[in-house]
């Protein structure tokens, strides 16, 4: 039996995911073939299937591989001593992937595929729930500390905060002239003015 080097296996697996992500972003999931991925990585289909059973598994891995790190970063931000700073850190964390050229297109493709794939829908819904909990918890803490308007409902407000962040991705995917990094300061300003505590 061949001994598998786990470090090399992870590295090769990541090469496949990276190459496939670029194809999925450019062509979409349906139009990207296994042959396309094999050609991009430079391996045979038989070799590819040592790492993933099918194209769908690769697509899921694109959205699943960095989940643990992201969850840990969200937890740290959620536990920040200053909830306002934790909220800003969370916004930046959730927005940062929008700055990468491929990601907004991948997010749009995932939204399309989620209607057809219950497992992907569950995966994305779980991510959304985790993000919503982190933001609403920080909003609750910030309101209690007098850092934001206590009249705002934290659950509803978290939904709107996440919708504004999501607009960075949809705008970047649909408008070639939109630059998320250039718009992030405006997003910060909108959130600050929306959330700030009202004078008595």
N, C-alpha and C. Protein backbone atom coordinates (compact mmCIF):
# COMPACT_ATOMS: atom_id res chain seq x y z
N UNK A 1 0.84 -1.20 0.00
CA UNK A 1 0.00 0.00 0.00
C UNK A 1 0.88 1.25 0.00
N UNK A 2 0.53 2.21 -0.86
CA UNK A 2 1.32 3.43 -0.96
C UNK A 2 1.12 4.31 0.27
N UNK A 3 2.21 4.81 0.85
CA UNK A 3 2.12 5.71 1.99
C UNK A 3 1.85 7.13 1.48
N UNK A 4 0.85 7.76 2.06
CA UNK A 4 0.48 9.11 1.65
C UNK A 4 1.12 10.12 2.60
N UNK A 5 1.88 11.05 2.06
CA UNK A 5 2.45 12.14 2.84
C UNK A 5 1.35 13.17 3.07
N UNK A 6 0.90 13.36 4.31
CA UNK A 6 -0.24 14.26 4.55
C UNK A 6 0.04 15.70 4.16
N UNK A 7 1.27 16.16 4.30
CA UNK A 7 1.61 17.54 3.93
C UNK A 7 1.49 17.72 2.42
N UNK A 8 2.06 16.78 1.67
CA UNK A 8 1.98 16.86 0.21
C UNK A 8 0.54 16.69 -0.27
N UNK A 9 -0.20 15.82 0.42
CA UNK A 9 -1.59 15.59 0.04
C UNK A 9 -2.40 16.88 0.22
N UNK A 10 -2.22 17.56 1.35
CA UNK A 10 -2.94 18.82 1.59
C UNK A 10 -2.55 19.88 0.57
N UNK A 11 -1.26 19.94 0.26
CA UNK A 11 -0.79 20.95 -0.70
C UNK A 11 -1.37 20.70 -2.08
N UNK A 12 -1.38 19.44 -2.50
CA UNK A 12 -1.94 19.11 -3.81
C UNK A 12 -3.45 19.36 -3.84
N UNK A 13 -4.10 19.02 -2.75
CA UNK A 13 -5.54 19.25 -2.65
C UNK A 13 -5.84 20.75 -2.78
N UNK A 14 -5.00 21.58 -2.13
CA UNK A 14 -5.22 23.01 -2.20
C UNK A 14 -4.96 23.54 -3.61
N UNK A 15 -3.99 22.97 -4.30
CA UNK A 15 -3.73 23.35 -5.70
C UNK A 15 -4.97 23.10 -6.55
N UNK A 16 -5.60 21.97 -6.32
CA UNK A 16 -6.82 21.63 -7.08
C UNK A 16 -7.93 22.63 -6.76
N UNK A 17 -8.12 22.91 -5.49
CA UNK A 17 -9.18 23.84 -5.08
C UNK A 17 -8.92 25.22 -5.68
N UNK A 18 -7.68 25.69 -5.63
CA UNK A 18 -7.37 27.02 -6.16
C UNK A 18 -7.61 27.09 -7.67
N UNK A 19 -7.17 26.06 -8.38
CA UNK A 19 -7.36 26.05 -9.84
C UNK A 19 -8.84 25.97 -10.19
N UNK A 20 -9.57 25.14 -9.47
CA UNK A 20 -11.00 24.99 -9.73
C UNK A 20 -11.75 26.27 -9.40
N UNK A 21 -11.35 26.95 -8.33
CA UNK A 21 -12.02 28.20 -7.95
C UNK A 21 -11.93 29.23 -9.07
N UNK A 22 -10.76 29.32 -9.69
CA UNK A 22 -10.60 30.27 -10.79
C UNK A 22 -11.51 29.90 -11.96
N UNK A 23 -11.64 28.63 -12.23
CA UNK A 23 -12.52 28.18 -13.31
C UNK A 23 -13.99 28.40 -12.97
N UNK A 24 -14.38 28.07 -11.75
CA UNK A 24 -15.76 28.27 -11.34
C UNK A 24 -16.14 29.74 -11.40
N UNK A 25 -15.21 30.61 -11.02
CA UNK A 25 -15.48 32.05 -11.05
C UNK A 25 -15.62 32.55 -12.48
N UNK A 26 -14.82 32.02 -13.37
CA UNK A 26 -14.82 32.50 -14.76
C UNK A 26 -15.93 31.87 -15.60
N UNK A 27 -16.19 30.58 -15.40
CA UNK A 27 -17.11 29.85 -16.27
C UNK A 27 -18.40 29.42 -15.60
N UNK A 28 -18.41 29.42 -14.26
CA UNK A 28 -19.55 28.89 -13.53
C UNK A 28 -19.37 27.40 -13.27
N UNK A 29 -20.13 26.89 -12.32
CA UNK A 29 -20.00 25.49 -11.94
C UNK A 29 -20.42 24.56 -13.08
N UNK A 30 -21.56 24.84 -13.70
CA UNK A 30 -22.10 23.94 -14.71
C UNK A 30 -21.20 23.83 -15.92
N UNK A 31 -20.59 24.94 -16.33
CA UNK A 31 -19.78 24.95 -17.55
C UNK A 31 -18.34 24.52 -17.32
N UNK A 32 -17.95 24.41 -16.06
CA UNK A 32 -16.60 23.92 -15.76
C UNK A 32 -16.63 22.39 -15.72
N UNK A 33 -15.78 21.76 -16.47
CA UNK A 33 -15.74 20.30 -16.50
C UNK A 33 -14.58 19.78 -15.67
N UNK A 34 -14.66 18.50 -15.34
CA UNK A 34 -13.55 17.86 -14.64
C UNK A 34 -12.29 17.92 -15.49
N UNK A 35 -12.47 17.78 -16.81
CA UNK A 35 -11.31 17.86 -17.72
C UNK A 35 -10.65 19.24 -17.64
N UNK A 36 -11.47 20.29 -17.51
CA UNK A 36 -10.92 21.65 -17.36
C UNK A 36 -10.04 21.73 -16.12
N UNK A 37 -10.53 21.17 -15.02
CA UNK A 37 -9.79 21.23 -13.76
C UNK A 37 -8.50 20.42 -13.87
N UNK A 38 -8.60 19.24 -14.46
CA UNK A 38 -7.40 18.41 -14.64
C UNK A 38 -6.34 19.14 -15.46
N UNK A 39 -6.78 19.78 -16.53
CA UNK A 39 -5.84 20.51 -17.38
C UNK A 39 -5.19 21.66 -16.62
N UNK A 40 -5.99 22.38 -15.83
CA UNK A 40 -5.46 23.53 -15.09
C UNK A 40 -4.44 23.09 -14.04
N UNK A 41 -4.66 21.93 -13.44
CA UNK A 41 -3.75 21.44 -12.40
C UNK A 41 -2.61 20.62 -12.98
N UNK A 42 -2.83 20.07 -14.18
CA UNK A 42 -1.81 19.25 -14.80
C UNK A 42 -1.78 17.84 -14.27
N UNK A 43 -2.96 17.23 -14.15
CA UNK A 43 -3.03 15.84 -13.68
C UNK A 43 -4.15 15.11 -14.39
N UNK A 44 -4.11 13.81 -14.33
CA UNK A 44 -5.14 12.99 -14.96
C UNK A 44 -6.39 12.95 -14.08
N UNK A 45 -7.50 12.55 -14.69
CA UNK A 45 -8.74 12.42 -13.94
C UNK A 45 -8.59 11.38 -12.83
N UNK A 46 -7.90 10.29 -13.14
CA UNK A 46 -7.69 9.26 -12.14
C UNK A 46 -6.95 9.78 -10.93
N UNK A 47 -5.95 10.62 -11.17
CA UNK A 47 -5.19 11.21 -10.07
C UNK A 47 -6.04 12.21 -9.30
N UNK A 48 -6.83 12.99 -10.03
CA UNK A 48 -7.70 13.98 -9.39
C UNK A 48 -8.65 13.31 -8.39
N UNK A 49 -9.16 12.13 -8.77
CA UNK A 49 -10.15 11.46 -7.94
C UNK A 49 -9.53 10.81 -6.70
N UNK A 50 -8.21 10.87 -6.59
CA UNK A 50 -7.58 10.48 -5.32
C UNK A 50 -7.82 11.55 -4.26
N UNK A 51 -8.12 12.77 -4.72
CA UNK A 51 -8.29 13.90 -3.80
C UNK A 51 -9.76 14.28 -3.61
N UNK A 52 -10.54 14.15 -4.66
CA UNK A 52 -11.96 14.50 -4.60
C UNK A 52 -12.76 13.48 -5.40
N UNK A 53 -13.92 13.06 -4.91
CA UNK A 53 -14.70 12.06 -5.64
C UNK A 53 -15.36 12.59 -6.90
N UNK A 54 -15.61 13.92 -6.96
CA UNK A 54 -16.29 14.50 -8.11
C UNK A 54 -16.14 16.02 -8.11
N UNK A 55 -16.65 16.64 -9.14
CA UNK A 55 -16.55 18.10 -9.29
C UNK A 55 -17.30 18.82 -8.18
N UNK A 56 -18.44 18.29 -7.81
CA UNK A 56 -19.24 18.93 -6.76
C UNK A 56 -18.47 19.00 -5.45
N UNK A 57 -17.73 17.94 -5.12
CA UNK A 57 -16.94 17.94 -3.89
C UNK A 57 -15.87 19.03 -3.91
N UNK A 58 -15.31 19.28 -5.09
CA UNK A 58 -14.32 20.36 -5.21
C UNK A 58 -14.99 21.71 -4.98
N UNK A 59 -16.18 21.87 -5.57
CA UNK A 59 -16.90 23.13 -5.41
C UNK A 59 -17.23 23.38 -3.94
N UNK A 60 -17.67 22.36 -3.23
CA UNK A 60 -17.97 22.49 -1.81
C UNK A 60 -16.71 22.86 -1.03
N UNK A 61 -15.58 22.26 -1.42
CA UNK A 61 -14.33 22.53 -0.72
C UNK A 61 -13.89 23.97 -0.86
N UNK A 62 -14.23 24.59 -2.00
CA UNK A 62 -13.88 26.00 -2.20
C UNK A 62 -14.46 26.86 -1.08
N UNK A 63 -15.64 26.48 -0.61
CA UNK A 63 -16.34 27.29 0.40
C UNK A 63 -16.17 26.74 1.81
N UNK A 64 -15.55 25.58 1.93
CA UNK A 64 -15.46 24.94 3.23
C UNK A 64 -14.05 24.95 3.82
N UNK A 65 -13.05 25.13 2.99
CA UNK A 65 -11.68 24.90 3.44
C UNK A 65 -11.18 25.91 4.47
N UNK A 66 -11.65 27.17 4.41
CA UNK A 66 -11.13 28.16 5.36
C UNK A 66 -12.10 28.43 6.50
N UNK A 67 -13.12 27.57 6.65
CA UNK A 67 -14.17 27.80 7.65
C UNK A 67 -13.62 27.85 9.07
N UNK A 68 -12.73 26.93 9.41
CA UNK A 68 -12.24 26.86 10.78
C UNK A 68 -11.51 28.13 11.18
N UNK A 69 -10.63 28.61 10.31
CA UNK A 69 -9.89 29.84 10.62
C UNK A 69 -10.84 31.02 10.75
N UNK A 70 -11.80 31.13 9.84
CA UNK A 70 -12.75 32.23 9.88
C UNK A 70 -13.58 32.18 11.16
N UNK A 71 -14.02 31.00 11.55
CA UNK A 71 -14.82 30.85 12.77
C UNK A 71 -14.02 31.28 13.99
N UNK A 72 -12.74 30.92 14.02
CA UNK A 72 -11.88 31.30 15.15
C UNK A 72 -11.71 32.82 15.20
N UNK A 73 -11.53 33.44 14.05
CA UNK A 73 -11.37 34.90 14.02
C UNK A 73 -12.66 35.61 14.44
N UNK A 74 -13.80 35.07 14.02
CA UNK A 74 -15.08 35.64 14.44
C UNK A 74 -15.24 35.53 15.95
N UNK A 75 -14.86 34.39 16.51
CA UNK A 75 -14.99 34.18 17.95
C UNK A 75 -14.11 35.17 18.72
N UNK A 76 -12.89 35.41 18.21
CA UNK A 76 -12.00 36.37 18.89
C UNK A 76 -12.58 37.78 18.84
N UNK A 77 -13.11 38.16 17.68
CA UNK A 77 -13.71 39.49 17.56
C UNK A 77 -14.93 39.62 18.46
N UNK A 78 -15.72 38.56 18.53
CA UNK A 78 -16.93 38.57 19.34
C UNK A 78 -16.61 38.72 20.82
N UNK A 79 -15.43 38.24 21.23
CA UNK A 79 -15.02 38.30 22.64
C UNK A 79 -14.18 39.53 22.96
N UNK A 80 -14.03 40.45 22.02
CA UNK A 80 -13.20 41.64 22.23
C UNK A 80 -13.66 42.43 23.45
N UNK A 81 -12.71 43.01 24.18
CA UNK A 81 -13.05 43.81 25.35
C UNK A 81 -13.94 44.99 24.99
N UNK A 82 -13.62 45.62 23.86
CA UNK A 82 -14.43 46.75 23.38
C UNK A 82 -15.34 46.23 22.27
N UNK A 83 -16.65 46.14 22.52
CA UNK A 83 -17.55 45.57 21.51
C UNK A 83 -17.61 46.38 20.22
N UNK A 84 -17.40 47.68 20.30
CA UNK A 84 -17.40 48.48 19.07
C UNK A 84 -16.21 48.12 18.20
N UNK A 85 -15.04 47.97 18.82
CA UNK A 85 -13.87 47.56 18.06
C UNK A 85 -14.04 46.14 17.54
N UNK A 86 -14.66 45.29 18.33
CA UNK A 86 -14.94 43.93 17.87
C UNK A 86 -15.87 43.92 16.67
N UNK A 87 -16.84 44.84 16.68
CA UNK A 87 -17.77 44.94 15.56
C UNK A 87 -17.05 45.42 14.30
N UNK A 88 -16.20 46.41 14.45
CA UNK A 88 -15.43 46.89 13.29
C UNK A 88 -14.53 45.78 12.75
N UNK A 89 -13.92 45.04 13.65
CA UNK A 89 -13.06 43.94 13.23
C UNK A 89 -13.87 42.87 12.49
N UNK A 90 -15.07 42.61 12.97
CA UNK A 90 -15.94 41.62 12.33
C UNK A 90 -16.35 42.08 10.94
N UNK A 91 -16.72 43.34 10.81
CA UNK A 91 -17.09 43.89 9.51
C UNK A 91 -15.92 43.74 8.53
N UNK A 92 -14.73 44.10 8.97
CA UNK A 92 -13.56 43.99 8.09
C UNK A 92 -13.26 42.53 7.73
N UNK A 93 -13.42 41.63 8.70
CA UNK A 93 -13.20 40.21 8.44
C UNK A 93 -14.17 39.69 7.38
N UNK A 94 -15.45 40.03 7.53
CA UNK A 94 -16.45 39.55 6.60
C UNK A 94 -16.35 40.22 5.23
N UNK A 95 -15.75 41.40 5.19
CA UNK A 95 -15.63 42.13 3.93
C UNK A 95 -14.34 41.81 3.18
N UNK A 96 -13.34 41.29 3.88
CA UNK A 96 -12.00 41.22 3.27
C UNK A 96 -11.95 40.33 2.03
N UNK A 97 -12.71 39.26 2.00
CA UNK A 97 -12.65 38.38 0.83
C UNK A 97 -13.21 39.05 -0.42
N UNK A 98 -14.05 40.07 -0.24
CA UNK A 98 -14.59 40.79 -1.39
C UNK A 98 -13.49 41.50 -2.17
N UNK A 99 -12.35 41.74 -1.53
CA UNK A 99 -11.24 42.43 -2.19
C UNK A 99 -10.50 41.51 -3.17
N UNK A 100 -10.71 40.20 -3.03
CA UNK A 100 -10.03 39.25 -3.91
C UNK A 100 -10.84 39.12 -5.20
N UNK A 101 -10.19 39.24 -6.35
CA UNK A 101 -10.93 39.32 -7.62
C UNK A 101 -11.89 38.17 -7.89
N UNK A 102 -11.54 36.95 -7.50
CA UNK A 102 -12.38 35.80 -7.83
C UNK A 102 -13.57 35.65 -6.90
N UNK A 103 -13.42 36.07 -5.65
CA UNK A 103 -14.40 35.69 -4.63
C UNK A 103 -15.81 36.21 -4.90
N UNK A 104 -16.01 37.46 -5.28
CA UNK A 104 -17.39 37.90 -5.52
C UNK A 104 -18.12 37.05 -6.57
N UNK A 105 -17.42 36.65 -7.61
CA UNK A 105 -18.04 35.80 -8.64
C UNK A 105 -18.35 34.41 -8.08
N UNK A 106 -17.46 33.90 -7.24
CA UNK A 106 -17.71 32.60 -6.61
C UNK A 106 -18.92 32.66 -5.68
N UNK A 107 -19.04 33.76 -4.96
CA UNK A 107 -20.18 33.92 -4.05
C UNK A 107 -21.49 33.94 -4.84
N UNK A 108 -21.50 34.65 -5.95
CA UNK A 108 -22.71 34.69 -6.79
C UNK A 108 -23.02 33.30 -7.33
N UNK A 109 -22.00 32.57 -7.75
CA UNK A 109 -22.21 31.22 -8.27
C UNK A 109 -22.72 30.30 -7.17
N UNK A 110 -22.21 30.46 -5.96
CA UNK A 110 -22.67 29.64 -4.84
C UNK A 110 -24.14 29.90 -4.54
N UNK A 111 -24.56 31.15 -4.65
CA UNK A 111 -25.96 31.48 -4.41
C UNK A 111 -26.86 30.79 -5.42
N UNK A 112 -26.42 30.74 -6.67
CA UNK A 112 -27.19 30.06 -7.71
C UNK A 112 -27.25 28.56 -7.43
N UNK A 113 -26.09 27.98 -7.13
CA UNK A 113 -26.03 26.53 -6.92
C UNK A 113 -26.76 26.09 -5.65
N UNK A 114 -26.84 26.97 -4.66
CA UNK A 114 -27.49 26.60 -3.40
C UNK A 114 -28.97 26.28 -3.59
N UNK A 115 -29.59 26.88 -4.61
CA UNK A 115 -30.99 26.56 -4.89
C UNK A 115 -31.16 25.11 -5.35
N UNK A 116 -30.08 24.53 -5.87
CA UNK A 116 -30.16 23.18 -6.44
C UNK A 116 -29.46 22.14 -5.57
N UNK A 117 -28.73 22.58 -4.57
CA UNK A 117 -27.88 21.67 -3.81
C UNK A 117 -28.16 21.89 -2.32
N UNK A 118 -28.86 20.96 -1.70
CA UNK A 118 -29.25 21.11 -0.30
C UNK A 118 -28.05 21.16 0.63
N UNK A 119 -27.00 20.39 0.30
CA UNK A 119 -25.82 20.39 1.17
C UNK A 119 -25.12 21.74 1.13
N UNK A 120 -24.98 22.31 -0.06
CA UNK A 120 -24.37 23.64 -0.17
C UNK A 120 -25.23 24.68 0.53
N UNK A 121 -26.55 24.58 0.36
CA UNK A 121 -27.47 25.52 1.01
C UNK A 121 -27.30 25.44 2.53
N UNK A 122 -27.18 24.23 3.06
CA UNK A 122 -26.98 24.05 4.50
C UNK A 122 -25.66 24.65 4.95
N UNK A 123 -24.61 24.42 4.16
CA UNK A 123 -23.29 24.95 4.47
C UNK A 123 -23.31 26.48 4.52
N UNK A 124 -23.90 27.11 3.51
CA UNK A 124 -23.95 28.56 3.46
C UNK A 124 -24.85 29.13 4.55
N UNK A 125 -25.98 28.44 4.81
CA UNK A 125 -26.89 28.91 5.86
C UNK A 125 -26.21 28.86 7.22
N UNK A 126 -25.41 27.83 7.45
CA UNK A 126 -24.68 27.71 8.71
C UNK A 126 -23.69 28.86 8.86
N UNK A 127 -23.00 29.18 7.78
CA UNK A 127 -22.08 30.32 7.81
C UNK A 127 -22.83 31.61 8.12
N UNK A 128 -23.95 31.82 7.44
CA UNK A 128 -24.73 33.04 7.65
C UNK A 128 -25.21 33.14 9.10
N UNK A 129 -25.63 32.01 9.66
CA UNK A 129 -26.10 32.01 11.05
C UNK A 129 -24.97 32.36 12.01
N UNK A 130 -23.78 31.81 11.76
CA UNK A 130 -22.63 32.11 12.61
C UNK A 130 -22.27 33.59 12.55
N UNK A 131 -22.29 34.15 11.35
CA UNK A 131 -21.97 35.57 11.18
C UNK A 131 -23.03 36.44 11.84
N UNK A 132 -24.29 36.06 11.67
CA UNK A 132 -25.38 36.85 12.25
C UNK A 132 -25.29 36.84 13.77
N UNK A 133 -24.98 35.70 14.35
CA UNK A 133 -24.85 35.61 15.80
C UNK A 133 -23.71 36.48 16.31
N UNK A 134 -22.58 36.45 15.61
CA UNK A 134 -21.44 37.27 16.02
C UNK A 134 -21.78 38.74 16.00
N UNK A 135 -22.42 39.20 14.91
CA UNK A 135 -22.74 40.62 14.78
C UNK A 135 -23.81 41.03 15.80
N UNK A 136 -24.85 40.24 15.96
CA UNK A 136 -25.92 40.61 16.89
C UNK A 136 -25.42 40.61 18.33
N UNK A 137 -24.52 39.68 18.67
CA UNK A 137 -23.95 39.66 20.02
C UNK A 137 -23.15 40.91 20.29
N UNK A 138 -22.33 41.32 19.32
CA UNK A 138 -21.53 42.53 19.49
C UNK A 138 -22.41 43.78 19.54
N UNK A 139 -23.47 43.80 18.75
CA UNK A 139 -24.39 44.94 18.80
C UNK A 139 -25.06 45.03 20.17
N UNK A 140 -25.45 43.90 20.71
CA UNK A 140 -26.07 43.89 22.04
C UNK A 140 -25.10 44.42 23.09
N UNK A 141 -23.85 43.96 23.03
CA UNK A 141 -22.85 44.42 23.98
C UNK A 141 -22.53 45.89 23.80
N UNK A 142 -22.44 46.33 22.54
CA UNK A 142 -22.12 47.74 22.27
C UNK A 142 -23.24 48.65 22.75
N UNK A 143 -24.48 48.23 22.59
CA UNK A 143 -25.61 49.03 23.07
C UNK A 143 -25.58 49.12 24.60
N UNK A 144 -25.29 47.99 25.26
CA UNK A 144 -25.23 47.98 26.72
C UNK A 144 -24.11 48.88 27.24
N UNK A 145 -23.04 49.02 26.45
CA UNK A 145 -21.90 49.85 26.83
C UNK A 145 -22.09 51.31 26.42
N UNK A 146 -23.22 51.63 25.80
CA UNK A 146 -23.48 52.99 25.38
C UNK A 146 -22.72 53.41 24.14
N UNK A 147 -22.20 52.42 23.38
CA UNK A 147 -21.41 52.75 22.20
C UNK A 147 -22.26 52.90 20.95
N UNK A 148 -23.46 52.32 20.94
CA UNK A 148 -24.36 52.48 19.80
C UNK A 148 -25.77 52.76 20.32
N UNK A 149 -26.66 53.12 19.43
CA UNK A 149 -28.04 53.45 19.77
C UNK A 149 -28.73 52.24 20.42
N UNK A 150 -29.14 52.35 21.69
CA UNK A 150 -29.78 51.21 22.35
C UNK A 150 -31.18 50.92 21.82
N UNK A 151 -31.72 51.84 21.02
CA UNK A 151 -33.05 51.62 20.46
C UNK A 151 -33.06 50.69 19.26
N UNK A 152 -31.89 50.32 18.76
CA UNK A 152 -31.81 49.43 17.61
C UNK A 152 -32.00 47.98 18.06
N UNK A 153 -32.85 47.25 17.36
CA UNK A 153 -33.00 45.83 17.64
C UNK A 153 -31.77 45.10 17.11
N UNK A 154 -31.04 44.38 17.96
CA UNK A 154 -29.77 43.77 17.52
C UNK A 154 -29.94 42.72 16.43
N UNK A 155 -31.02 41.95 16.46
CA UNK A 155 -31.23 40.93 15.44
C UNK A 155 -31.51 41.56 14.09
N UNK A 156 -32.43 42.52 14.06
CA UNK A 156 -32.75 43.20 12.79
C UNK A 156 -31.56 43.99 12.28
N UNK A 157 -30.87 44.65 13.19
CA UNK A 157 -29.73 45.46 12.79
C UNK A 157 -28.60 44.59 12.24
N UNK A 158 -28.39 43.43 12.84
CA UNK A 158 -27.37 42.51 12.33
C UNK A 158 -27.69 42.11 10.90
N UNK A 159 -28.97 41.89 10.62
CA UNK A 159 -29.38 41.53 9.26
C UNK A 159 -29.00 42.62 8.28
N UNK A 160 -29.21 43.88 8.65
CA UNK A 160 -28.88 44.99 7.76
C UNK A 160 -27.38 45.20 7.63
N UNK A 161 -26.65 45.01 8.71
CA UNK A 161 -25.18 45.11 8.64
C UNK A 161 -24.64 44.08 7.66
N UNK A 162 -25.12 42.85 7.76
CA UNK A 162 -24.66 41.79 6.86
C UNK A 162 -25.09 42.05 5.42
N UNK A 163 -26.27 42.66 5.24
CA UNK A 163 -26.73 42.99 3.89
C UNK A 163 -25.82 44.03 3.25
N UNK A 164 -25.38 44.99 4.04
CA UNK A 164 -24.46 46.01 3.50
C UNK A 164 -23.13 45.39 3.12
N UNK A 165 -22.64 44.47 3.94
CA UNK A 165 -21.39 43.78 3.61
C UNK A 165 -21.58 42.95 2.34
N UNK A 166 -22.70 42.26 2.25
CA UNK A 166 -22.97 41.43 1.08
C UNK A 166 -23.00 42.26 -0.20
N UNK A 167 -23.40 43.53 -0.08
CA UNK A 167 -23.47 44.37 -1.28
C UNK A 167 -22.09 44.62 -1.88
N UNK A 168 -21.04 44.53 -1.07
CA UNK A 168 -19.69 44.64 -1.62
C UNK A 168 -19.43 43.51 -2.62
N UNK A 169 -19.90 42.31 -2.27
CA UNK A 169 -19.69 41.14 -3.13
C UNK A 169 -20.54 41.22 -4.39
N UNK A 170 -21.83 41.52 -4.23
CA UNK A 170 -22.71 41.55 -5.40
C UNK A 170 -22.33 42.69 -6.35
N UNK A 171 -21.96 43.82 -5.79
CA UNK A 171 -21.57 44.94 -6.64
C UNK A 171 -20.29 44.64 -7.39
N UNK A 172 -19.32 44.03 -6.70
CA UNK A 172 -18.05 43.69 -7.35
C UNK A 172 -18.26 42.65 -8.44
N UNK A 173 -19.22 41.74 -8.24
CA UNK A 173 -19.45 40.68 -9.22
C UNK A 173 -20.21 41.18 -10.44
N UNK A 174 -21.00 42.22 -10.29
CA UNK A 174 -21.87 42.68 -11.38
C UNK A 174 -21.43 43.99 -12.02
N UNK A 175 -20.53 44.73 -11.37
CA UNK A 175 -20.09 46.02 -11.90
C UNK A 175 -18.57 46.03 -12.00
N UNK A 176 -18.00 45.92 -13.20
CA UNK A 176 -16.54 45.86 -13.34
C UNK A 176 -15.82 47.09 -12.79
N UNK A 177 -16.52 48.21 -12.70
CA UNK A 177 -15.87 49.43 -12.21
C UNK A 177 -15.89 49.54 -10.69
N UNK A 178 -16.61 48.66 -10.02
CA UNK A 178 -16.74 48.73 -8.56
C UNK A 178 -15.50 48.16 -7.90
N UNK A 179 -14.93 48.91 -6.98
CA UNK A 179 -13.72 48.49 -6.27
C UNK A 179 -14.04 48.39 -4.78
N UNK A 180 -14.23 47.17 -4.27
CA UNK A 180 -14.61 47.02 -2.87
C UNK A 180 -13.66 47.69 -1.88
N UNK A 181 -12.36 47.60 -2.13
CA UNK A 181 -11.40 48.20 -1.21
C UNK A 181 -11.59 49.71 -1.12
N UNK A 182 -11.94 50.34 -2.23
CA UNK A 182 -12.16 51.78 -2.24
C UNK A 182 -13.47 52.15 -1.54
N UNK A 183 -14.41 51.22 -1.52
CA UNK A 183 -15.71 51.50 -0.93
C UNK A 183 -15.80 51.14 0.55
N UNK A 184 -14.81 50.41 1.07
CA UNK A 184 -14.86 50.00 2.47
C UNK A 184 -14.93 51.18 3.44
N UNK A 185 -14.16 52.26 3.25
CA UNK A 185 -14.32 53.41 4.16
C UNK A 185 -15.74 53.98 4.16
N UNK A 186 -16.39 53.97 3.00
CA UNK A 186 -17.77 54.45 2.95
C UNK A 186 -18.70 53.53 3.73
N UNK A 187 -18.46 52.23 3.62
CA UNK A 187 -19.24 51.28 4.40
C UNK A 187 -19.05 51.53 5.89
N UNK A 188 -17.82 51.77 6.32
CA UNK A 188 -17.56 52.08 7.73
C UNK A 188 -18.34 53.31 8.15
N UNK A 189 -18.33 54.34 7.31
CA UNK A 189 -19.02 55.60 7.64
C UNK A 189 -20.52 55.38 7.75
N UNK A 190 -21.09 54.65 6.80
CA UNK A 190 -22.53 54.36 6.84
C UNK A 190 -22.90 53.64 8.13
N UNK A 191 -22.12 52.62 8.48
CA UNK A 191 -22.41 51.85 9.69
C UNK A 191 -22.25 52.70 10.94
N UNK A 192 -21.22 53.54 10.96
CA UNK A 192 -21.00 54.40 12.12
C UNK A 192 -22.19 55.34 12.31
N UNK A 193 -22.64 55.97 11.22
CA UNK A 193 -23.75 56.92 11.34
C UNK A 193 -25.07 56.22 11.65
N UNK A 194 -25.22 55.02 11.15
CA UNK A 194 -26.44 54.26 11.41
C UNK A 194 -26.48 53.77 12.86
N UNK A 195 -25.34 53.34 13.38
CA UNK A 195 -25.31 52.69 14.68
C UNK A 195 -25.04 53.62 15.86
N UNK A 196 -24.49 54.78 15.60
CA UNK A 196 -24.04 55.60 16.70
C UNK A 196 -25.17 55.95 17.66
N UNK A 197 -24.81 56.06 18.94
CA UNK A 197 -25.79 56.40 19.97
C UNK A 197 -26.38 57.78 19.70
N UNK A 198 -27.67 57.92 19.85
CA UNK A 198 -28.35 59.19 19.65
C UNK A 198 -28.20 60.06 20.91
N UNK A 199 -28.02 61.37 20.73
CA UNK A 199 -27.93 62.25 21.91
C UNK A 199 -29.25 62.25 22.65
N UNK A 200 -29.16 62.37 23.96
CA UNK A 200 -30.37 62.37 24.79
C UNK A 200 -31.20 63.63 24.53
